[in-house]
Amino acid sequence: MHRQRVLTALGAGVALWALLYFAQKIGFLIAWFLTGTLLLAEWSRGEKISLVRRLFLWGCIYLMWLSYISPYFLKASLLGFTGLGLLGLVRSNPQRATLWQNQLLYGLLIMGVGWGTVGWELIEPYSIRRTLAFLSISWMADTSAYVFGRWLGRARILPHISPNKTWEGLIGSMGVTGIWGYWAVPWVGGFEGVPGVVVGAFSAVVAFLGDAYQSAWKRTHGMKDSGALLPGHGGIWDRVDSLLWIAPLWYFLS
């Protein structure tokens, strides 16, 4: 399992670097959109969303993504959200209506805003150094939390949701990611007056919340992993759960 994880991580790293270096902005935009579609597929499969609902919901989320990288799609997104909300309200079965509204709410927030702001951070403006600096914050938060949790972890935070999450891992992650943020945040830009150490440390807390939310979602739906696309790692959502929460934080701060 560990060998699979390492090989998959190395392969993904090489693919990302090649994409950044050779494909440039348009190639990265296409990759972001396709990866997001795989992410939506994992979420929809877990939620058991019907084909008709997927067409409505995915279309609206696609518009939301596009609105983050092009303001021309903003009005269409707002109209789509209104239509989806009304569709859920007029459902005759109260239980189905509640389920639809929950899927609408969390779908738009986690998948729509989360992945949409990832696209905004990665593509506007596009540069290899800026993109790697942004992605490295999420990687550093996850990795340091895992290392400190395994090394020093004793006090569990959410044993009923994610038994491996500990206070020692979270505090260690805040320290390491804060130090990393001192270097990385200035490369990304847009945080005038906010120290990179603060942005980095707060990102570690938000990354923990994203990981915890996804763990709770998987337990609720009886799933070990969100998918099986990445050997040793699970699905796309298993790898970008922190990023989906860090990106909105950075978007609103900057």
Protein backbone atom coordinates (compact mmCIF):
# COMPACT_ATOMS: atom_id res chain seq x y z
CA MET A 1 0.00 0.00 0.00
CA HIS A 2 2.77 2.45 0.94
CA ARG A 3 4.63 1.61 -2.27
CA GLN A 4 1.48 2.27 -4.26
CA ARG A 5 1.00 5.62 -2.54
CA VAL A 6 4.56 6.70 -3.25
CA LEU A 7 4.45 5.61 -6.90
CA THR A 8 1.10 7.32 -7.46
CA ALA A 9 2.34 10.51 -5.80
CA LEU A 10 5.51 10.53 -7.90
CA GLY A 11 3.54 9.92 -11.09
CA ALA A 12 1.07 12.68 -10.26
CA GLY A 13 3.94 15.05 -9.46
CA VAL A 14 5.66 14.40 -12.80
CA ALA A 15 2.35 14.80 -14.66
CA LEU A 16 1.64 18.10 -12.88
CA TRP A 17 5.09 19.49 -13.64
CA ALA A 18 4.83 18.49 -17.30
CA LEU A 19 1.39 20.09 -17.51
CA LEU A 20 2.60 23.31 -15.91
CA TYR A 21 5.73 23.54 -18.04
CA PHE A 22 4.53 22.39 -21.47
CA ALA A 23 0.77 22.96 -21.60
CA GLN A 24 0.80 26.43 -20.07
CA LYS A 25 -2.46 28.23 -19.24
CA ILE A 26 -4.89 26.68 -21.75
CA GLY A 27 -3.74 23.14 -21.02
CA PHE A 28 -3.92 23.73 -17.29
CA LEU A 29 -7.43 25.19 -17.68
CA ILE A 30 -8.59 22.05 -19.50
CA ALA A 31 -6.97 19.80 -16.88
CA TRP A 32 -8.63 21.76 -14.07
CA PHE A 33 -12.04 21.43 -15.73
CA LEU A 34 -11.67 17.68 -16.42
CA THR A 35 -10.37 16.98 -12.91
CA GLY A 36 -13.32 18.88 -11.50
CA THR A 37 -15.67 16.73 -13.57
CA LEU A 38 -14.13 13.58 -12.06
CA LEU A 39 -14.56 15.17 -8.64
CA LEU A 40 -18.24 15.83 -9.37
CA ALA A 41 -18.69 12.24 -10.53
CA GLU A 42 -17.30 10.89 -7.23
CA TRP A 43 -19.55 13.17 -5.18
CA SER A 44 -22.66 12.41 -7.26
CA ARG A 45 -22.03 8.66 -7.06
CA GLY A 46 -21.78 8.83 -3.28
CA GLU A 47 -24.93 10.95 -3.05
CA LYS A 48 -26.73 8.63 -5.50
CA ILE A 49 -27.96 11.61 -7.52
CA SER A 50 -30.16 10.68 -10.48
CA LEU A 51 -29.18 11.49 -14.05
CA VAL A 52 -31.75 14.28 -14.40
CA ARG A 53 -30.61 15.96 -11.21
CA ARG A 54 -27.00 15.62 -12.28
CA LEU A 55 -27.73 17.49 -15.48
CA PHE A 56 -29.28 20.38 -13.55
CA LEU A 57 -26.75 20.44 -10.74
CA TRP A 58 -23.63 19.88 -12.82
CA GLY A 59 -24.71 22.54 -15.30
CA CYS A 60 -25.11 25.04 -12.51
CA ILE A 61 -21.77 24.12 -10.94
CA TYR A 62 -20.04 24.38 -14.32
CA LEU A 63 -21.43 27.90 -14.66
CA MET A 64 -20.16 28.70 -11.18
CA TRP A 65 -16.68 27.49 -12.09
CA LEU A 66 -16.66 29.58 -15.24
CA SER A 67 -17.85 32.65 -13.32
CA TYR A 68 -14.64 32.54 -11.26
CA ILE A 69 -12.41 32.67 -14.31
CA SER A 70 -14.68 34.84 -16.50
CA PRO A 71 -17.19 37.44 -15.15
CA TYR A 72 -19.42 36.98 -18.22
CA PHE A 73 -20.85 33.80 -16.70
CA LEU A 74 -21.82 35.38 -13.37
CA LYS A 75 -25.41 36.33 -14.29
CA ALA A 76 -26.04 32.92 -15.85
CA SER A 77 -24.82 31.31 -12.62
CA LEU A 78 -27.23 33.36 -10.51
CA LEU A 79 -30.15 32.44 -12.77
CA GLY A 80 -29.16 28.78 -12.58
CA PHE A 81 -28.99 28.85 -8.76
CA THR A 82 -32.44 30.45 -8.57
CA GLY A 83 -33.91 27.83 -10.89
CA LEU A 84 -32.40 24.95 -8.92
CA GLY A 85 -33.64 26.39 -5.64
CA LEU A 86 -37.18 26.72 -6.94
CA LEU A 87 -37.05 23.20 -8.34
CA GLY A 88 -36.28 21.85 -4.86
CA LEU A 89 -38.97 23.93 -3.19
CA VAL A 90 -41.81 22.76 -5.43
CA ARG A 91 -41.11 19.07 -4.90
CA SER A 92 -44.28 17.33 -3.70
CA ASN A 93 -42.50 14.88 -1.38
CA PRO A 94 -41.06 16.78 1.64
CA GLN A 95 -38.30 14.20 2.23
CA ARG A 96 -37.18 14.34 -1.39
CA ALA A 97 -37.35 18.13 -1.33
CA THR A 98 -35.11 18.26 1.76
CA LEU A 99 -32.63 15.83 0.20
CA TRP A 100 -32.51 17.86 -3.00
CA GLN A 101 -31.99 21.13 -1.12
CA ASN A 102 -29.16 19.59 0.92
CA GLN A 103 -27.48 18.29 -2.23
CA LEU A 104 -27.96 21.68 -3.85
CA LEU A 105 -26.51 23.55 -0.87
CA TYR A 106 -23.48 21.36 -0.27
CA GLY A 107 -22.90 20.78 -3.96
CA LEU A 108 -22.75 24.49 -4.69
CA LEU A 109 -20.64 25.26 -1.62
CA ILE A 110 -18.13 22.41 -1.64
CA MET A 111 -17.93 21.50 -5.31
CA GLY A 112 -18.99 24.84 -6.81
CA VAL A 113 -17.27 27.46 -4.66
CA GLY A 114 -14.46 25.11 -3.60
CA TRP A 115 -13.27 23.96 -7.01
CA GLY A 116 -14.22 27.26 -8.66
CA THR A 117 -11.89 29.23 -6.40
CA VAL A 118 -9.17 26.63 -7.02
CA GLY A 119 -9.44 27.54 -10.70
CA TRP A 120 -9.32 31.24 -9.89
CA GLU A 121 -6.16 30.82 -7.81
CA LEU A 122 -4.42 28.61 -10.38
CA ILE A 123 -5.32 30.43 -13.57
CA GLU A 124 -5.82 34.15 -12.85
CA PRO A 125 -3.03 35.17 -13.32
CA TYR A 126 -1.27 32.00 -14.45
CA SER A 127 2.38 31.30 -13.65
CA ILE A 128 4.23 28.11 -12.77
CA ARG A 129 5.81 29.58 -9.65
CA ARG A 130 2.55 31.05 -8.37
CA THR A 131 0.65 27.81 -8.99
CA LEU A 132 3.22 25.64 -7.21
CA ALA A 133 3.37 28.07 -4.28
CA PHE A 134 -0.41 27.88 -3.85
CA LEU A 135 -0.63 24.08 -4.18
CA SER A 136 2.31 23.57 -1.82
CA ILE A 137 0.35 25.11 1.08
CA SER A 138 -2.26 22.34 0.85
CA TRP A 139 0.39 19.63 0.46
CA MET A 140 2.37 20.97 3.42
CA ALA A 141 -0.73 21.18 5.65
CA ASP A 142 -1.75 17.58 4.90
CA THR A 143 1.74 16.08 5.09
CA SER A 144 2.80 17.82 8.32
CA ALA A 145 -0.50 16.94 10.02
CA TYR A 146 0.04 13.28 9.09
CA VAL A 147 3.69 13.23 10.24
CA PHE A 148 3.10 14.97 13.57
CA GLY A 149 -0.03 12.92 14.18
CA ARG A 150 1.84 9.65 13.66
CA TRP A 151 4.89 10.83 15.61
CA LEU A 152 3.37 12.65 18.59
CA GLY A 153 -0.37 12.13 18.28
CA ARG A 154 -2.14 11.21 21.51
CA ALA A 155 -5.15 13.49 22.01
CA ARG A 156 -7.81 12.76 19.40
CA ILE A 157 -9.98 15.60 18.14
CA LEU A 158 -12.86 13.79 16.42
CA PRO A 159 -12.60 10.10 17.30
CA HIS A 160 -16.14 9.36 16.09
CA ILE A 161 -15.44 10.85 12.64
CA SER A 162 -11.72 10.51 11.99
CA PRO A 163 -9.80 8.61 14.71
CA ASN A 164 -6.40 9.53 13.28
CA LYS A 165 -6.89 13.30 13.68
CA THR A 166 -5.08 14.59 16.77
CA TRP A 167 -4.42 17.94 18.40
CA GLU A 168 -0.68 17.31 18.10
CA GLY A 169 -1.04 16.80 14.36
CA LEU A 170 -3.11 19.97 13.95
CA ILE A 171 -0.77 22.15 16.03
CA GLY A 172 2.29 20.74 14.26
CA SER A 173 0.63 21.38 10.91
CA MET A 174 -0.14 24.99 11.88
CA GLY A 175 3.48 25.58 12.82
CA VAL A 176 5.00 24.00 9.71
CA THR A 177 2.46 25.47 7.29
CA GLY A 178 2.83 28.87 8.94
CA ILE A 179 6.59 28.79 8.33
CA TRP A 180 6.02 27.55 4.78
CA GLY A 181 3.46 30.30 4.23
CA TYR A 182 6.08 32.93 5.08
CA TRP A 183 7.84 31.87 1.87
CA ALA A 184 4.96 30.74 -0.34
CA VAL A 185 2.25 33.36 0.23
CA PRO A 186 4.26 36.31 -1.16
CA TRP A 187 4.75 34.36 -4.43
CA VAL A 188 0.97 34.02 -4.77
CA GLY A 189 0.29 37.66 -3.89
CA GLY A 190 -2.92 39.47 -3.01
CA PHE A 191 -2.46 39.47 0.78
CA GLU A 192 -1.25 43.01 1.38
CA GLY A 193 -1.07 43.63 5.12
CA VAL A 194 -1.62 39.98 6.09
CA PRO A 195 1.59 38.13 7.11
CA GLY A 196 2.29 34.92 5.19
CA VAL A 197 2.81 33.11 8.51
CA VAL A 198 -0.77 33.92 9.57
CA VAL A 199 -2.23 32.90 6.20
CA GLY A 200 -0.26 29.63 6.29
CA ALA A 201 -1.23 28.73 9.87
CA PHE A 202 -4.90 29.54 9.27
CA SER A 203 -4.78 27.49 6.08
CA ALA A 204 -3.73 24.47 8.15
CA VAL A 205 -6.85 24.86 10.32
CA VAL A 206 -9.09 25.16 7.26
CA ALA A 207 -7.36 22.13 5.68
CA PHE A 208 -8.18 20.13 8.81
CA LEU A 209 -11.85 21.18 8.55
CA GLY A 210 -11.95 20.13 4.89
CA ASP A 211 -10.44 16.74 5.70
CA ALA A 212 -12.81 16.26 8.64
CA TYR A 213 -15.85 17.19 6.55
CA GLN A 214 -14.92 14.68 3.87
CA SER A 215 -14.34 11.97 6.50
CA ALA A 216 -17.80 12.64 7.94
CA TRP A 217 -19.32 12.55 4.46
CA LYS A 218 -17.72 9.17 3.70
CA ARG A 219 -18.89 7.71 7.01
CA THR A 220 -22.42 8.95 6.39
CA HIS A 221 -22.45 7.30 2.96
CA GLY A 222 -20.67 4.11 4.06
CA MET A 223 -17.56 4.70 1.96
CA LYS A 224 -13.89 4.13 2.76
CA ASP A 225 -12.64 6.28 -0.12
CA SER A 226 -14.41 8.71 -2.44
CA GLY A 227 -13.18 6.67 -5.42
CA ALA A 228 -10.50 4.32 -6.69
CA LEU A 229 -8.88 6.39 -9.44
CA LEU A 230 -5.58 6.93 -7.58
CA PRO A 231 -4.05 3.61 -6.37
CA GLY A 232 -3.10 3.81 -2.70
CA HIS A 233 -4.77 7.21 -2.31
CA GLY A 234 -8.43 6.65 -3.17
CA GLY A 235 -10.28 9.17 -5.31
CA ILE A 236 -9.78 12.73 -6.49
CA TRP A 237 -11.72 14.15 -3.54
CA ASP A 238 -9.47 12.22 -1.12
CA ARG A 239 -6.52 14.22 -2.46
CA VAL A 240 -8.07 17.67 -2.84
CA ASP A 241 -10.33 17.76 0.24
CA SER A 242 -8.09 20.36 1.93
CA LEU A 243 -7.66 22.39 -1.24
CA LEU A 244 -11.44 22.76 -1.62
CA TRP A 245 -11.49 24.68 1.67
CA ILE A 246 -8.18 26.54 1.44
CA ALA A 247 -8.99 28.04 -1.97
CA PRO A 248 -12.19 29.85 -0.84
CA LEU A 249 -10.31 31.18 2.21
CA TRP A 250 -7.59 32.64 0.00
CA TYR A 251 -10.14 33.95 -2.48
CA PHE A 252 -12.02 35.95 0.14
CA LEU A 253 -8.87 37.11 1.95
CA SER A 254 -7.28 38.39 -1.25
